[in-house]
């Protein structure tokens, strides 16, 4: 509610209460005076209640605005976090592929070297046995 409208309404409410008080003072009839007093209490309670409700409404509106701003900030942070998480997952995935390829290549080269070593050891044994046999005169 705009502030000037609220101030105008407050003045009107205060004027109404003054008017009822003045009627109570000017009235001589006790029944009318009693009814006016009851109306004054009702009007005063309603005005007070309306003012409190308006203040609460203003506070709730302010709170909702702040909450909305906070929610937007949180949403932006979560969106950034999701983007960063995707980047991290992508980088880790890429590194796993590179390291996996290097590991497979290394294992393959090790197997190749192992088979060459076995061949060399076999050749050395065969030739060593052949040489020993030649020394003993058993080889042809």
Protein backbone atom coordinates (compact mmCIF):
# COMPACT_ATOMS: atom_id res chain seq x y z
CA UNK A 1 0.00 0.00 0.00
CA UNK A 2 1.46 3.42 -0.94
CA UNK A 3 2.64 5.48 2.02
CA UNK A 4 0.52 8.57 1.24
CA UNK A 5 -2.65 6.47 0.99
CA UNK A 6 -1.79 4.86 4.31
CA UNK A 7 -1.25 8.25 5.94
CA UNK A 8 -4.55 9.54 4.53
CA UNK A 9 -6.34 6.44 5.80
CA UNK A 10 -4.75 6.85 9.23
CA UNK A 11 -5.92 10.47 9.36
CA UNK A 12 -9.43 9.43 8.32
CA UNK A 13 -9.45 6.71 11.00
CA UNK A 14 -8.27 9.16 13.64
CA UNK A 15 -10.92 11.67 12.51
CA UNK A 16 -13.60 8.96 12.78
CA UNK A 17 -12.55 8.11 16.33
CA UNK A 18 -12.58 11.82 17.27
CA UNK A 19 -16.01 12.20 15.74
CA UNK A 20 -17.40 9.26 17.72
CA UNK A 21 -15.83 10.62 20.94
CA UNK A 22 -17.38 14.02 20.26
CA UNK A 23 -20.79 12.40 19.69
CA UNK A 24 -20.43 10.55 23.00
CA UNK A 25 -19.66 13.82 24.78
CA UNK A 26 -22.56 15.68 23.11
CA UNK A 27 -25.19 12.92 23.53
CA UNK A 28 -27.42 13.00 26.59
CA UNK A 29 -29.34 9.80 25.90
CA UNK A 30 -27.70 6.95 27.84
CA UNK A 31 -28.74 4.25 25.37
CA UNK A 32 -27.27 6.17 22.43
CA UNK A 33 -24.18 7.02 24.49
CA UNK A 34 -23.72 3.31 25.34
CA UNK A 35 -24.10 2.31 21.70
CA UNK A 36 -21.61 5.00 20.66
CA UNK A 37 -19.13 3.81 23.27
CA UNK A 38 -19.47 0.25 21.99
CA UNK A 39 -19.03 1.50 18.42
CA UNK A 40 -15.97 3.48 19.52
CA UNK A 41 -14.40 0.37 21.06
CA UNK A 42 -15.21 -1.68 17.96
CA UNK A 43 -13.90 1.02 15.61
CA UNK A 44 -10.75 1.50 17.70
CA UNK A 45 -10.11 -2.27 17.79
CA UNK A 46 -10.68 -2.59 14.04
CA UNK A 47 -8.40 0.35 13.28
CA UNK A 48 -5.67 -0.99 15.58
CA UNK A 49 -6.05 -4.46 14.09
CA UNK A 50 -5.90 -3.05 10.55
CA UNK A 51 -2.74 -1.06 11.34
CA UNK A 52 -1.06 -4.10 12.89
CA UNK A 53 -2.10 -6.28 9.95
CA UNK A 54 -0.77 -3.69 7.51
CA UNK A 55 2.58 -3.56 9.34
CA UNK A 56 2.76 -7.36 9.37
CA UNK A 57 1.90 -7.42 5.69
CA UNK A 58 4.71 -4.93 4.98
CA UNK A 59 7.16 -7.06 6.96
CA UNK A 60 6.03 -10.21 5.16
CA UNK A 61 6.39 -8.48 1.78
CA UNK A 62 9.89 -7.32 2.71
CA UNK A 63 10.76 -10.80 3.94
CA UNK A 64 9.41 -12.40 0.76
CA UNK A 65 11.39 -9.96 -1.39
CA UNK A 66 14.58 -10.74 0.53
CA UNK A 67 13.84 -14.46 0.38
CA UNK A 68 13.28 -14.24 -3.37
CA UNK A 69 16.60 -12.42 -3.82
CA UNK A 70 18.32 -14.98 -1.62
CA UNK A 71 16.74 -17.84 -3.56
CA UNK A 72 17.97 -16.32 -6.84
CA UNK A 73 21.49 -15.97 -5.44
CA UNK A 74 21.39 -19.59 -4.26
CA UNK A 75 20.08 -20.74 -7.61
CA UNK A 76 22.92 -18.93 -9.40
CA UNK A 77 25.45 -20.51 -7.04
CA UNK A 78 23.98 -23.96 -7.63
CA UNK A 79 24.02 -23.38 -11.39
CA UNK A 80 27.68 -22.35 -11.17
CA UNK A 81 28.36 -25.38 -8.99
CA UNK A 82 26.70 -27.67 -11.52
CA UNK A 83 28.78 -26.15 -14.31
CA UNK A 84 31.97 -26.51 -12.28
CA UNK A 85 31.01 -30.08 -11.36
CA UNK A 86 30.50 -30.93 -15.04
CA UNK A 87 33.88 -29.41 -15.87
CA UNK A 88 35.58 -31.37 -13.09
CA UNK A 89 33.87 -34.61 -14.18
CA UNK A 90 34.89 -33.96 -17.79
CA UNK A 91 38.51 -33.25 -16.86
CA UNK A 92 38.69 -36.31 -14.59
CA UNK A 93 37.12 -38.46 -17.32
CA UNK A 94 39.61 -37.15 -19.87
CA UNK A 95 42.50 -37.81 -17.47
CA UNK A 96 41.24 -41.34 -16.86
CA UNK A 97 41.19 -41.98 -20.59
CA UNK A 98 44.72 -40.57 -21.06
CA UNK A 99 46.12 -42.44 -18.05
CA UNK A 100 44.30 -45.61 -19.10
CA UNK A 101 45.72 -45.40 -22.61
CA UNK A 102 49.24 -44.76 -21.24
CA UNK A 103 48.89 -47.68 -18.82
CA UNK A 104 47.69 -50.05 -21.55
CA UNK A 105 50.54 -48.89 -23.80
CA UNK A 106 53.06 -49.41 -20.99
CA UNK A 107 51.70 -52.89 -20.20
CA UNK A 108 51.82 -53.79 -23.89
CA UNK A 109 55.45 -52.63 -24.17
CA UNK A 110 56.35 -54.56 -20.99
CA UNK A 111 54.83 -57.76 -22.42
CA UNK A 112 56.73 -57.21 -25.63
CA UNK A 113 60.00 -56.75 -23.71
CA UNK A 114 59.23 -59.80 -21.56
CA UNK A 115 58.71 -61.97 -24.65
CA UNK A 116 62.00 -60.67 -26.16
CA UNK A 117 63.80 -61.40 -22.89
CA UNK A 118 62.39 -64.92 -22.85
CA UNK A 119 63.49 -65.41 -26.45
CA UNK A 120 66.96 -64.09 -25.62
CA UNK A 121 67.25 -66.31 -22.54
CA UNK A 122 66.15 -69.32 -24.59
CA UNK A 123 68.67 -68.50 -27.32
CA UNK A 124 71.44 -68.08 -24.74
CA UNK A 125 70.55 -71.43 -23.09
CA UNK A 126 70.43 -73.23 -26.43
CA UNK A 127 73.73 -71.78 -27.54
CA UNK A 128 75.28 -72.37 -24.14
CA UNK A 129 74.19 -76.02 -24.25
CA UNK A 130 75.42 -76.31 -27.84
CA UNK A 131 78.77 -74.75 -26.86
CA UNK A 132 79.12 -77.10 -23.89
CA UNK A 133 78.37 -80.05 -26.14
CA UNK A 134 80.98 -78.86 -28.65
CA UNK A 135 83.56 -78.66 -25.92
CA UNK A 136 82.74 -82.19 -24.89
CA UNK A 137 82.85 -83.22 -28.53
CA UNK A 138 79.23 -84.29 -28.63
CA UNK A 139 77.95 -81.72 -31.04
CA UNK A 140 78.10 -82.29 -34.76
